[in-house]
Amino acid sequence: MTVRTRFAPSPTGLLHIGNARAALFNFLYARHHGGKFLLRVEDTDRERSTQHAVDVLFDGLAWMGITPDEEPVFQSTRQARHAEIAHHLLTQGLAYRCYCTQEELQQMREQAMAEGKPPRYNGYWRDRDPSEAPPGAPYTVRIRAPREGEAVIQDLVQGDVRVANAEMDDMIILRADGTPVYQLAVVVDDHDMDITHVIRGDDHLTNTFRQAMIYRAMGWDLPKFAHLPLIHGPDGAKLSKRHGAQSVVEFRDMGYLPEALNNYLLRLGWGHGDAEILSRDEQIHLFDLDGVGRSPSRMDYAKLSHLNGVWLRQADDARLTDDVLQRLAGREGVTVDDTLRTRILTLMPGLKERAKTLVELADSAAFLGRHVPLAFDAKAEKLLSDDARVMLGKLARDLAVLAEFDAPSIDAALRHFAENHGHKLGQVAQPLRAAMTGGATSPGIDATLAALGRDEVMARLGAVAR
């Protein structure tokens, strides 16, 4: 059997982090078992399923490196097939027409609640002759749910889950306007796409029992199910806006690398010994469903930021430079050009050591594209005392005559200057850093000056020296 998994989102909003984890788990499981990962866009809600939402969905998955092995299927194009199955069940006596009005259904719900029962359909038309209905009356199609015994789902994460059939009602599979409901469409699509494993959030567990009725009525083999515990906020409550970012797009905009987010989501509810930092190849090699826990996971934004810092330090300098340039484009007071690109690329090994996100990285690199006179923060102003400005004037004369303006030559010159003038190296380097950056932090001062170049260093020193 070739494993075939699928991710089947509704394009009615952003790619939520819980859905992104489900997509990742489906992708990794298929890859681990040498199978296929498929994408189905459940776009039957035509009012909310916009092309923009579809584009955002595809963009988010592509950014995460989660790519389907076949062309995406759009559920809205398959409604005739869904209706065909409903009519087949109807002709086989496995489904029936229900002519109840909305008022009658409401009365059933109210009566059931008054009797302390669940508010659901009571099967009024289950065994009645359709000829008893008013001529031309609209009808829905309902499946005949079994009423005796129990249904069992052998879940690969949750274990055996049982529900008494008496708790299930005869659900609608075809609306009065002839359109199929979600439960029917999902089953038909999964069957036709030869899906072998359905891996999704455990909020779908009730849906699974409803969908199983359709599989069994059609005589189709059920796929194997694996229901993943949900992701909660740090406080254990349902993840919401008050906890912070929730969508893949938000995390990308906040400066997280896809490698870091993938790595974090993998470890959110799945484990393999002490394995923590895992490449995509390692994830594929190790991932299986037996490592998925049954308890909800808690989003830990601090841990994600730590992981992102680890992945930033491993990332290619040219790739990071390109991202930083995009983030700096349009920023007030920063000129984005080839000169800035060269400076950032030169200094990137030191810049990325201190950053945890690409936003922090861009902020720390912005000084490389600014021009004199620089704006100084409070720490820089304090460092640039009158005495420090006089000292920097003297230092400027030494730096101006260096034969080579590279990091080793600059380092030697700074040490020589500090020793000759009775200063500790830090007493020279910190005011110099403030003059170069407008702040109090940067990579090594020798590398920083080398990246700026002699002309820019002289201009910045000239703007503050006395």
Protein backbone atom coordinates (compact mmCIF):
# COMPACT_ATOMS: atom_id res chain seq x y z
CA MET A 1 0.00 0.00 0.00
CA THR A 2 1.30 3.44 -0.94
CA VAL A 3 0.70 5.92 1.84
CA ARG A 4 -1.30 8.94 0.67
CA THR A 5 -1.99 11.79 3.07
CA ARG A 6 -3.70 15.11 2.48
CA PHE A 7 -4.03 18.59 3.92
CA ALA A 8 -7.52 19.95 3.30
CA PRO A 9 -7.91 23.55 4.51
CA SER A 10 -10.79 25.93 3.88
CA PRO A 11 -9.42 29.14 2.31
CA THR A 12 -11.47 31.47 4.47
CA GLY A 13 -8.65 33.15 6.35
CA LEU A 14 -4.95 32.96 7.16
CA LEU A 15 -3.05 29.70 7.57
CA HIS A 16 -3.47 29.14 11.30
CA ILE A 17 -0.53 27.66 13.19
CA GLY A 18 -2.58 24.58 14.17
CA ASN A 19 -3.44 23.89 10.54
CA ALA A 20 0.18 24.47 9.57
CA ARG A 21 1.29 21.80 12.04
CA ALA A 22 -1.30 19.37 10.64
CA ALA A 23 0.02 20.07 7.14
CA LEU A 24 3.59 19.47 8.34
CA PHE A 25 2.70 16.19 10.03
CA ASN A 26 0.88 14.94 6.93
CA PHE A 27 3.81 15.94 4.75
CA LEU A 28 6.43 14.31 6.97
CA TYR A 29 4.41 11.12 7.44
CA ALA A 30 4.02 10.67 3.69
CA ARG A 31 7.70 11.37 3.07
CA HIS A 32 8.79 9.06 5.90
CA HIS A 33 6.81 6.18 4.41
CA GLY A 34 7.77 6.88 0.80
CA GLY A 35 4.23 7.97 -0.05
CA LYS A 36 2.45 10.99 -1.49
CA PHE A 37 1.28 14.21 0.16
CA LEU A 38 -1.73 15.90 -1.43
CA LEU A 39 -3.47 19.24 -1.06
CA ARG A 40 -7.21 19.73 -1.31
CA VAL A 41 -8.73 23.20 -1.08
CA GLU A 42 -12.17 22.93 0.53
CA ASP A 43 -13.59 26.04 -1.10
CA THR A 44 -17.30 25.24 -1.12
CA ASP A 45 -18.07 28.34 0.96
CA ARG A 46 -18.04 30.59 -2.09
CA GLU A 47 -18.66 33.82 -0.16
CA ARG A 48 -15.67 33.42 2.13
CA SER A 49 -13.35 31.37 -0.12
CA THR A 50 -11.67 34.18 -2.04
CA GLN A 51 -8.81 33.93 -4.49
CA HIS A 52 -6.76 36.09 -2.13
CA ALA A 53 -7.30 33.56 0.66
CA VAL A 54 -6.24 30.74 -1.68
CA ASP A 55 -3.09 32.66 -2.65
CA VAL A 56 -2.25 33.31 1.01
CA LEU A 57 -2.69 29.61 1.76
CA PHE A 58 -0.42 28.52 -1.09
CA ASP A 59 2.13 31.19 -0.21
CA GLY A 60 2.27 30.09 3.43
CA LEU A 61 2.72 26.42 2.55
CA ALA A 62 5.39 27.23 -0.04
CA TRP A 63 7.26 29.37 2.51
CA MET A 64 7.24 26.42 4.91
CA GLY A 65 8.52 24.12 2.16
CA ILE A 66 5.38 21.95 2.29
CA THR A 67 4.71 21.11 -1.34
CA PRO A 68 2.09 18.63 -2.65
CA ASP A 69 3.11 15.76 -4.92
CA GLU A 70 0.13 16.26 -7.24
CA GLU A 71 -1.86 19.24 -8.47
CA PRO A 72 -4.15 20.67 -5.76
CA VAL A 73 -7.79 19.57 -5.87
CA PHE A 74 -10.48 22.22 -5.50
CA GLN A 75 -13.52 20.78 -3.79
CA SER A 76 -15.90 23.23 -5.45
CA THR A 77 -15.24 21.58 -8.83
CA ARG A 78 -16.49 18.21 -7.59
CA GLN A 79 -20.02 18.97 -6.40
CA ALA A 80 -21.63 16.88 -9.16
CA ARG A 81 -19.64 13.86 -7.97
CA HIS A 82 -20.67 14.48 -4.36
CA ALA A 83 -24.34 14.73 -5.33
CA GLU A 84 -24.00 11.54 -7.40
CA ILE A 85 -23.04 9.60 -4.28
CA ALA A 86 -25.93 11.09 -2.33
CA HIS A 87 -28.40 10.00 -5.01
CA HIS A 88 -26.81 6.55 -5.12
CA LEU A 89 -27.39 6.15 -1.38
CA LEU A 90 -30.94 7.36 -1.89
CA THR A 91 -31.71 4.80 -4.59
CA GLN A 92 -30.19 2.04 -2.46
CA GLY A 93 -32.44 2.88 0.47
CA LEU A 94 -29.41 3.89 2.55
CA ALA A 95 -30.58 7.51 2.60
CA TYR A 96 -34.02 9.12 2.41
CA ARG A 97 -35.81 12.35 1.62
CA CYS A 98 -36.71 14.57 4.57
CA TYR A 99 -39.42 17.16 4.00
CA CYS A 100 -39.28 18.81 7.43
CA THR A 101 -39.53 22.58 7.46
CA GLN A 102 -37.23 24.78 9.53
CA GLU A 103 -40.10 25.42 11.93
CA GLU A 104 -40.67 21.69 12.42
CA LEU A 105 -36.98 21.08 13.02
CA GLN A 106 -36.90 23.85 15.59
CA GLN A 107 -39.88 22.30 17.38
CA MET A 108 -38.04 18.94 17.47
CA ARG A 109 -34.99 20.56 19.03
CA GLU A 110 -37.03 22.40 21.62
CA GLN A 111 -38.99 19.27 22.54
CA ALA A 112 -35.81 17.22 22.87
CA MET A 113 -34.24 19.83 25.13
CA ALA A 114 -37.40 19.97 27.24
CA GLU A 115 -37.10 16.19 27.70
CA GLY A 116 -33.44 16.47 28.65
CA LYS A 117 -32.26 14.96 25.37
CA PRO A 118 -29.72 16.25 22.84
CA PRO A 119 -31.37 18.74 20.43
CA ARG A 120 -31.35 16.81 17.20
CA TYR A 121 -33.51 15.44 14.38
CA ASN A 122 -35.86 12.67 15.52
CA GLY A 123 -36.06 10.68 12.26
CA TYR A 124 -39.58 11.86 11.43
CA TRP A 125 -39.29 11.04 7.69
CA ARG A 126 -37.01 8.03 8.10
CA ASP A 127 -39.74 5.46 7.50
CA ARG A 128 -42.51 7.55 5.97
CA ASP A 129 -43.61 7.36 2.36
CA PRO A 130 -42.47 10.43 0.38
CA SER A 131 -45.95 10.53 -1.16
CA GLU A 132 -47.18 11.92 2.14
CA ALA A 133 -45.26 15.12 1.51
CA PRO A 134 -47.00 18.12 -0.09
CA PRO A 135 -46.56 18.13 -3.90
CA GLY A 136 -43.37 19.93 -4.91
CA ALA A 137 -42.21 20.39 -1.33
CA PRO A 138 -38.46 20.93 -0.95
CA TYR A 139 -36.49 18.17 0.73
CA THR A 140 -33.07 17.35 2.05
CA VAL A 141 -31.40 13.94 1.78
CA ARG A 142 -30.45 12.28 5.07
CA ILE A 143 -28.39 9.16 5.60
CA ARG A 144 -29.87 6.30 7.60
CA ALA A 145 -27.69 6.15 10.68
CA PRO A 146 -27.42 2.80 12.47
CA ARG A 147 -29.36 2.83 15.74
CA GLU A 148 -28.01 -0.24 17.50
CA GLY A 149 -24.57 -1.07 18.84
CA GLU A 150 -21.58 1.22 18.70
CA ALA A 151 -19.08 2.63 16.24
CA VAL A 152 -15.35 2.25 16.88
CA ILE A 153 -12.53 4.29 15.37
CA GLN A 154 -9.07 2.80 15.79
CA ASP A 155 -7.19 6.06 16.01
CA LEU A 156 -3.40 6.03 15.54
CA VAL A 157 -2.95 8.74 18.18
CA GLN A 158 -5.97 8.53 20.48
CA GLY A 159 -6.32 4.74 20.53
CA ASP A 160 -9.74 3.10 20.19
CA VAL A 161 -12.53 5.66 20.40
CA ARG A 162 -16.13 4.44 20.78
CA VAL A 163 -19.50 6.11 20.30
CA ALA A 164 -22.92 4.52 20.77
CA ASN A 165 -24.84 4.60 17.49
CA ALA A 166 -27.91 5.80 19.38
CA GLU A 167 -26.09 9.11 19.88
CA MET A 168 -25.84 9.71 16.12
CA ASP A 169 -28.72 11.20 14.16
CA ASP A 170 -29.63 10.89 10.50
CA MET A 171 -27.47 13.72 9.24
CA ILE A 172 -28.18 15.66 6.08
CA ILE A 173 -25.88 14.82 3.17
CA LEU A 174 -27.64 16.87 0.48
CA ARG A 175 -29.25 20.26 1.13
CA ALA A 176 -32.63 21.31 -0.20
CA ASP A 177 -30.92 23.27 -2.99
CA GLY A 178 -29.14 20.10 -4.13
CA THR A 179 -25.68 21.04 -2.83
CA PRO A 180 -23.68 18.50 -0.81
CA VAL A 181 -22.70 19.10 2.81
CA TYR A 182 -19.13 19.12 4.08
CA GLN A 183 -19.33 15.65 5.65
CA LEU A 184 -20.28 14.01 2.34
CA ALA A 185 -17.82 15.99 0.22
CA VAL A 186 -14.88 15.10 2.47
CA VAL A 187 -15.61 11.38 2.33
CA VAL A 188 -16.09 11.28 -1.43
CA ASP A 189 -12.96 13.32 -2.06
CA ASP A 190 -10.80 11.26 0.30
CA HIS A 191 -12.07 8.06 -1.31
CA ASP A 192 -11.54 9.29 -4.87
CA MET A 193 -8.07 10.64 -4.02
CA ASP A 194 -7.12 7.23 -2.53
CA ILE A 195 -6.26 8.81 0.82
CA THR A 196 -4.92 6.14 3.17
CA HIS A 197 -4.32 8.27 6.27
CA VAL A 198 -6.33 11.21 7.56
CA ILE A 199 -4.19 13.20 10.01
CA ARG A 200 -5.97 16.22 11.48
CA GLY A 201 -6.88 17.99 14.72
CA ASP A 202 -8.89 16.15 17.36
CA ASP A 203 -11.63 18.77 17.02
CA HIS A 204 -12.62 16.67 13.98
CA LEU A 205 -13.15 13.50 16.01
CA THR A 206 -16.95 13.88 16.05
CA ASN A 207 -16.87 14.50 12.30
CA THR A 208 -14.98 11.24 11.86
CA PHE A 209 -17.85 9.19 13.28
CA ARG A 210 -20.30 10.99 11.00
CA GLN A 211 -18.08 10.44 7.99
CA ALA A 212 -17.57 6.79 8.88
CA MET A 213 -21.32 6.26 8.36
CA ILE A 214 -20.94 7.30 4.73
CA TYR A 215 -17.90 5.09 4.18
CA ARG A 216 -19.73 2.10 5.58
CA ALA A 217 -22.95 2.81 3.68
CA MET A 218 -20.95 2.90 0.43
CA GLY A 219 -18.98 -0.21 1.33
CA TRP A 220 -15.72 1.71 1.12
CA ASP A 221 -12.66 0.97 3.26
CA LEU A 222 -12.07 3.62 5.88
CA PRO A 223 -8.70 5.36 5.85
CA LYS A 224 -6.63 5.19 9.00
CA PHE A 225 -7.30 8.16 11.25
CA ALA A 226 -4.91 10.08 13.49
CA HIS A 227 -6.35 12.96 15.50
CA LEU A 228 -3.79 15.43 16.80
CA PRO A 229 -4.28 17.25 20.11
CA LEU A 230 -4.84 20.96 19.66
CA ILE A 231 -2.38 23.77 20.33
CA HIS A 232 -3.21 25.96 23.31
CA GLY A 233 -1.80 29.26 24.48
CA PRO A 234 0.89 29.43 27.19
CA ASP A 235 -1.87 29.67 29.82
CA GLY A 236 -3.58 26.48 28.65
CA ALA A 237 -6.52 28.31 27.07
CA LYS A 238 -7.44 28.06 23.40
CA LEU A 239 -4.83 29.85 21.30
CA SER A 240 -6.09 33.34 20.45
CA LYS A 241 -4.89 36.79 19.41
CA ARG A 242 -4.23 37.78 22.99
CA HIS A 243 -1.46 35.16 23.15
CA GLY A 244 0.39 36.64 20.16
CA ALA A 245 0.90 35.54 16.56
CA GLN A 246 -1.35 32.74 15.34
CA SER A 247 -0.83 32.51 11.58
CA VAL A 248 2.12 31.51 9.44
CA VAL A 249 2.09 34.92 7.74
CA GLU A 250 2.37 36.68 11.10
CA PHE A 251 5.39 34.60 12.10
CA ARG A 252 7.05 35.28 8.75
CA ASP A 253 6.46 39.02 9.06
CA MET A 254 7.85 38.95 12.60
CA GLY A 255 11.13 37.61 11.24
CA TYR A 256 11.01 33.88 11.87
CA LEU A 257 12.72 31.50 9.48
CA PRO A 258 10.65 28.67 7.99
CA GLU A 259 13.23 26.17 9.24
CA ALA A 260 12.71 27.39 12.79
CA LEU A 261 8.92 27.39 12.62
CA ASN A 262 8.88 23.90 11.08
CA ASN A 263 11.31 22.66 13.71
CA TYR A 264 9.26 24.17 16.51
CA LEU A 265 5.91 22.89 15.23
CA LEU A 266 7.36 19.40 14.81
CA ARG A 267 8.44 19.34 18.45
CA LEU A 268 5.07 20.74 19.56
CA GLY A 269 3.35 17.51 20.49
CA TRP A 270 5.88 15.10 18.95
CA GLY A 271 9.15 13.85 20.32
CA HIS A 272 12.03 11.53 19.55
CA GLY A 273 14.33 11.16 22.52
CA ASP A 274 16.38 14.28 23.10
CA ALA A 275 16.36 15.33 19.42
CA GLU A 276 15.77 19.08 19.35
CA ILE A 277 17.34 20.82 16.32
CA LEU A 278 16.30 18.81 13.27
CA SER A 279 16.82 19.50 9.58
CA ARG A 280 14.10 18.63 7.09
CA ASP A 281 15.91 15.42 6.11
CA GLU A 282 16.23 14.42 9.76
CA GLN A 283 12.56 15.20 10.35
CA ILE A 284 11.53 12.95 7.47
CA HIS A 285 13.80 10.18 8.70
CA LEU A 286 12.53 10.26 12.28
CA PHE A 287 8.88 11.26 12.08
CA ASP A 288 6.14 8.75 12.75
CA LEU A 289 2.82 8.91 14.52
CA ASP A 290 3.91 6.84 17.50
CA GLY A 291 5.82 9.89 18.72
CA VAL A 292 2.71 12.09 18.87
CA GLY A 293 1.32 12.65 22.37
CA ARG A 294 -2.36 12.72 23.34
CA SER A 295 -2.34 15.89 25.43
CA PRO A 296 -2.77 19.42 24.06
CA SER A 297 0.44 21.34 23.44
CA ARG A 298 1.18 24.80 24.76
CA MET A 299 2.62 27.46 22.50
CA ASP A 300 5.93 28.72 23.89
CA TYR A 301 6.92 31.87 22.01
CA ALA A 302 10.18 32.23 23.94
CA LYS A 303 11.29 28.76 22.89
CA LEU A 304 10.38 29.52 19.28
CA SER A 305 12.52 32.67 19.41
CA HIS A 306 15.42 30.68 20.84
CA LEU A 307 15.11 28.12 18.06
CA ASN A 308 14.95 30.89 15.50
CA GLY A 309 18.20 32.32 16.82
CA VAL A 310 19.85 28.92 16.42
CA TRP A 311 18.64 28.62 12.82
CA LEU A 312 19.65 32.22 12.05
CA ARG A 313 23.23 31.50 13.06
CA GLN A 314 23.26 28.50 10.71
CA ALA A 315 21.65 30.31 7.78
CA ASP A 316 23.44 31.39 4.62
CA ASP A 317 24.76 34.97 4.89
CA ALA A 318 23.67 35.97 1.38
CA ARG A 319 20.12 34.72 1.99
CA LEU A 320 19.90 36.67 5.26
CA THR A 321 21.29 39.77 3.59
CA ASP A 322 18.62 39.67 0.89
CA ASP A 323 15.89 39.37 3.52
CA VAL A 324 17.31 42.25 5.57
CA LEU A 325 17.46 44.47 2.49
CA GLN A 326 13.78 43.78 1.80
CA ARG A 327 12.91 44.71 5.37
CA LEU A 328 14.97 47.90 5.22
CA ALA A 329 13.51 49.03 1.89
CA GLY A 330 11.45 52.13 2.49
CA ARG A 331 12.72 52.66 6.02
CA GLU A 332 13.21 56.34 6.70
CA GLY A 333 16.83 57.49 6.61
CA VAL A 334 18.19 54.22 5.17
CA THR A 335 19.53 54.04 1.61
CA VAL A 336 19.16 50.56 0.17
CA ASP A 337 21.68 50.04 -2.63
CA ASP A 338 24.60 47.84 -3.64
CA THR A 339 26.85 49.57 -1.13
CA LEU A 340 24.52 48.65 1.71
CA ARG A 341 24.29 45.08 0.44
CA THR A 342 28.08 44.76 0.46
CA ARG A 343 28.32 46.23 3.96
CA ILE A 344 25.62 43.95 5.40
CA LEU A 345 27.01 40.84 3.72
CA THR A 346 30.49 41.65 5.04
CA LEU A 347 29.23 42.14 8.58
CA MET A 348 26.57 39.40 8.59
CA PRO A 349 28.65 36.80 10.51
CA GLY A 350 28.75 39.21 13.46
CA LEU A 351 25.24 40.63 13.05
CA LYS A 352 23.47 37.28 13.15
CA GLU A 353 25.21 36.20 16.33
CA ARG A 354 23.12 38.67 18.36
CA ALA A 355 19.73 38.42 16.61
CA LYS A 356 16.82 36.12 17.36
CA THR A 357 14.60 37.26 14.48
CA LEU A 358 15.07 38.76 11.04
CA VAL A 359 13.39 41.92 12.33
CA GLU A 360 16.07 42.26 15.00
CA LEU A 361 18.68 41.52 12.35
CA ALA A 362 17.35 44.28 10.10
CA ASP A 363 17.22 46.72 13.01
CA SER A 364 20.83 45.98 13.93
CA ALA A 365 21.98 46.40 10.32
CA ALA A 366 20.10 49.64 9.61
CA PHE A 367 23.01 51.85 10.74
CA LEU A 368 25.01 50.60 7.76
CA GLY A 369 22.67 52.42 5.39
CA ARG A 370 22.33 55.70 7.28
CA HIS A 371 24.19 58.94 6.57
CA VAL A 372 25.69 61.68 8.71
CA PRO A 373 24.59 63.28 10.83
CA LEU A 374 23.42 60.14 12.63
CA ALA A 375 20.73 60.16 15.27
CA PHE A 376 22.08 58.92 18.62
CA ASP A 377 20.14 57.03 21.26
CA ALA A 378 20.53 57.82 24.97
CA LYS A 379 23.34 55.31 25.50
CA ALA A 380 25.29 56.65 22.54
CA GLU A 381 24.87 60.25 23.72
CA LYS A 382 26.29 59.30 27.10
CA LEU A 383 29.28 57.60 25.48
CA LEU A 384 29.97 60.63 23.28
CA SER A 385 31.11 62.96 26.06
CA ASP A 386 33.25 66.00 25.30
CA ASP A 387 36.40 64.09 26.26
CA ALA A 388 35.37 61.14 24.08
CA ARG A 389 34.80 63.44 21.10
CA VAL A 390 38.28 64.91 21.53
CA MET A 391 39.72 61.40 21.71
CA LEU A 392 37.87 60.38 18.54
CA GLY A 393 39.36 63.36 16.72
CA LYS A 394 42.83 62.09 17.53
CA LEU A 395 41.87 58.53 16.59
CA ALA A 396 40.55 59.71 13.24
CA ARG A 397 44.02 60.95 12.28
CA ASP A 398 45.53 57.52 13.00
CA LEU A 399 42.84 55.64 11.07
CA ALA A 400 43.08 57.97 8.07
CA VAL A 401 46.67 56.95 7.35
CA LEU A 402 46.26 53.20 7.61
CA ALA A 403 47.81 51.47 4.58
CA GLU A 404 45.10 48.76 4.64
CA PHE A 405 41.63 49.46 5.97
CA ASP A 406 40.74 45.88 6.90
CA ALA A 407 39.73 44.34 10.23
CA PRO A 408 43.22 43.13 11.31
CA SER A 409 44.82 46.50 10.49
CA ILE A 410 42.04 48.41 12.26
CA ASP A 411 42.28 46.17 15.33
CA ALA A 412 46.03 46.72 15.55
CA ALA A 413 45.59 50.49 15.15
CA LEU A 414 42.95 50.67 17.89
CA ARG A 415 45.09 48.69 20.32
CA HIS A 416 48.13 50.84 19.53
CA PHE A 417 46.11 54.04 20.02
CA ALA A 418 44.67 52.87 23.34
CA GLU A 419 48.09 51.89 24.67
CA ASN A 420 49.76 55.15 23.56
CA HIS A 421 47.06 57.31 25.17
CA GLY A 422 46.71 55.36 28.40
CA HIS A 423 43.22 53.97 27.68
CA LYS A 424 41.73 50.54 27.97
CA LEU A 425 40.57 49.18 24.61
CA GLY A 426 36.91 49.42 25.68
CA GLN A 427 37.31 53.12 26.49
CA VAL A 428 38.20 53.65 22.85
CA ALA A 429 35.94 51.11 21.23
CA GLN A 430 32.66 52.10 22.90
CA PRO A 431 32.63 55.81 21.95
CA LEU A 432 33.83 54.78 18.50
CA ARG A 433 30.94 52.31 18.24
CA ALA A 434 28.47 55.01 19.25
CA ALA A 435 29.87 57.34 16.58
CA MET A 436 29.59 54.65 13.91
CA THR A 437 26.17 53.19 14.76
CA GLY A 438 24.20 55.73 16.77
CA GLY A 439 23.85 53.12 19.50
CA ALA A 440 25.93 51.08 21.90
CA THR A 441 25.97 47.66 20.24
CA SER A 442 27.41 46.23 17.04
CA PRO A 443 29.57 43.33 15.91
CA GLY A 444 33.30 43.64 16.59
CA ILE A 445 34.34 47.26 16.15
CA ASP A 446 37.19 46.34 13.80
CA ALA A 447 34.84 44.39 11.52
CA THR A 448 32.24 47.18 11.74
CA LEU A 449 34.69 49.84 10.58
CA ALA A 450 35.99 47.59 7.80
CA ALA A 451 32.43 46.99 6.56
CA LEU A 452 31.67 50.74 6.53
CA GLY A 453 34.86 51.54 4.64
CA ARG A 454 37.42 54.27 5.18
CA ASP A 455 35.45 57.13 3.61
CA GLU A 456 32.28 56.49 5.61
CA VAL A 457 34.23 56.00 8.85
CA MET A 458 36.01 59.30 8.33
CA ALA A 459 32.72 61.04 7.62
CA ARG A 460 31.08 59.66 10.76
CA LEU A 461 34.08 60.50 12.91
CA GLY A 462 34.21 63.97 11.43
CA ALA A 463 30.60 64.56 12.42
CA VAL A 464 31.32 63.99 16.13
CA ALA A 465 35.02 64.69 16.69
CA ARG A 466 36.36 67.81 18.39
